[in-house]
Amino acid sequence: MEEALKEMHSLLLDCVSDYIDEGKIFPAVTKPAKKNEVSVELTPSETVKVLFLNSMVETKTKPIQIARRLGIAKQEVTRILNPRQKTKIDTLEKAIEATGKKLIYSIA
């Protein structure tokens, strides 16, 4: 079961990568898993990357524009968008702000 969950998570990351490549908004989960179902979730860091992707699509901001606004190379923006690449939350927050959006934290 543990191996299957790892594989499903890897497939989920592949889906995120496809959405990034296609410049499409990654959909939010609309309903929880049923009792007999197993769900696979993105990590918090991966979730913030999806939020960054979605903010880029919503604001029609291109990676080169993010790079210019942050004073970094376009390749660095590509690394930030890579769901398998570790990125510090501060970097993700700045990248989201470069789209004109703001990352808001909350504890429930």
Protein backbone atom coordinates (compact mmCIF):
# COMPACT_ATOMS: atom_id res chain seq x y z
CA MET A 1 0.00 0.00 0.00
CA GLU A 2 2.85 2.38 0.87
CA GLU A 3 4.48 1.84 -2.52
CA ALA A 4 1.16 2.41 -4.31
CA LEU A 5 0.68 5.70 -2.44
CA LYS A 6 4.17 6.84 -3.49
CA GLU A 7 3.39 5.97 -7.11
CA MET A 8 0.06 7.82 -6.96
CA HIS A 9 1.80 10.88 -5.50
CA SER A 10 4.36 10.75 -8.30
CA LEU A 11 1.54 10.59 -10.86
CA LEU A 12 -0.12 13.58 -9.18
CA LEU A 13 3.13 15.54 -9.55
CA ASP A 14 3.25 14.51 -13.22
CA CYS A 15 -0.24 15.98 -13.60
CA VAL A 16 0.89 19.23 -11.96
CA SER A 17 3.85 19.36 -14.36
CA ASP A 18 1.52 18.87 -17.32
CA TYR A 19 -0.66 21.78 -16.18
CA ILE A 20 2.45 23.94 -15.78
CA ASP A 21 3.64 23.02 -19.28
CA GLU A 22 0.22 23.77 -20.76
CA GLY A 23 -0.27 27.00 -18.79
CA LYS A 24 -3.58 25.82 -17.34
CA ILE A 25 -5.08 26.33 -13.89
CA PHE A 26 -4.69 23.23 -11.73
CA PRO A 27 -8.12 22.30 -10.35
CA ALA A 28 -8.91 22.29 -6.65
CA VAL A 29 -10.35 19.21 -4.96
CA THR A 30 -14.09 19.65 -4.84
CA LYS A 31 -15.12 16.70 -2.72
CA PRO A 32 -13.44 14.62 -0.02
CA ALA A 33 -12.62 10.95 -0.50
CA LYS A 34 -15.33 8.48 0.43
CA LYS A 35 -14.92 5.99 3.26
CA ASN A 36 -13.60 3.19 1.05
CA GLU A 37 -11.36 5.47 -1.06
CA VAL A 38 -7.74 6.47 -0.54
CA SER A 39 -6.72 10.02 -1.35
CA VAL A 40 -3.31 11.37 -2.27
CA GLU A 41 -2.47 14.95 -1.40
CA LEU A 42 0.20 17.41 -2.35
CA THR A 43 2.64 18.47 0.35
CA PRO A 44 2.26 22.05 1.65
CA SER A 45 5.20 23.18 -0.50
CA GLU A 46 3.74 21.52 -3.60
CA THR A 47 0.38 23.13 -2.85
CA VAL A 48 1.95 26.60 -2.71
CA LYS A 49 3.68 25.88 -6.04
CA VAL A 50 0.25 25.07 -7.51
CA LEU A 51 -1.05 28.35 -6.08
CA PHE A 52 1.87 30.12 -7.77
CA LEU A 53 1.10 28.38 -11.08
CA ASN A 54 -2.57 29.29 -10.81
CA SER A 55 -1.76 32.92 -9.99
CA MET A 56 0.50 33.10 -13.05
CA VAL A 57 -2.28 31.74 -15.27
CA GLU A 58 -4.96 33.99 -13.72
CA THR A 59 -2.85 37.12 -14.15
CA LYS A 60 -1.41 36.02 -17.52
CA THR A 61 2.10 36.46 -16.14
CA LYS A 62 4.89 34.71 -18.03
CA PRO A 63 7.99 33.17 -16.36
CA ILE A 64 10.24 35.80 -17.98
CA GLN A 65 8.14 38.54 -16.35
CA ILE A 66 8.51 36.86 -12.95
CA ALA A 67 12.27 36.59 -13.52
CA ARG A 68 12.56 40.29 -14.37
CA ARG A 69 10.45 41.37 -11.40
CA LEU A 70 12.49 39.24 -9.01
CA GLY A 71 15.85 40.00 -10.64
CA ILE A 72 16.60 36.33 -11.26
CA ALA A 73 17.25 34.15 -14.31
CA LYS A 74 14.30 32.59 -16.13
CA GLN A 75 15.79 29.16 -15.33
CA GLU A 76 15.32 29.91 -11.63
CA VAL A 77 11.60 30.52 -12.23
CA THR A 78 11.48 27.17 -14.04
CA ARG A 79 13.03 25.55 -10.95
CA ILE A 80 10.52 27.30 -8.69
CA LEU A 81 7.67 25.92 -10.82
CA ASN A 82 9.06 22.37 -10.78
CA PRO A 83 6.86 20.46 -8.29
CA ARG A 84 9.70 18.03 -7.53
CA GLN A 85 12.22 20.79 -6.77
CA LYS A 86 12.42 21.96 -3.14
CA THR A 87 11.81 25.70 -2.82
CA LYS A 88 11.84 27.85 0.31
CA ILE A 89 8.52 29.38 1.31
CA ASP A 90 10.06 32.88 1.22
CA THR A 91 10.99 32.36 -2.44
CA LEU A 92 7.50 31.09 -3.27
CA GLU A 93 5.94 34.05 -1.49
CA LYS A 94 8.06 36.53 -3.49
CA ALA A 95 7.23 34.70 -6.72
CA ILE A 96 3.50 34.86 -5.98
CA GLU A 97 3.80 38.57 -5.15
CA ALA A 98 5.51 39.08 -8.54
CA THR A 99 2.16 38.07 -10.11
CA GLY A 100 0.37 40.79 -8.15
CA LYS A 101 -1.16 38.30 -5.70
CA LYS A 102 -0.43 37.73 -2.01
CA LEU A 103 0.14 34.48 -0.13
CA ILE A 104 -1.92 34.44 3.06
CA TYR A 105 -1.16 31.98 5.85
CA SER A 106 -3.68 30.64 8.32
CA ILE A 107 -3.92 28.11 11.10
CA ALA A 108 -7.20 26.30 11.65
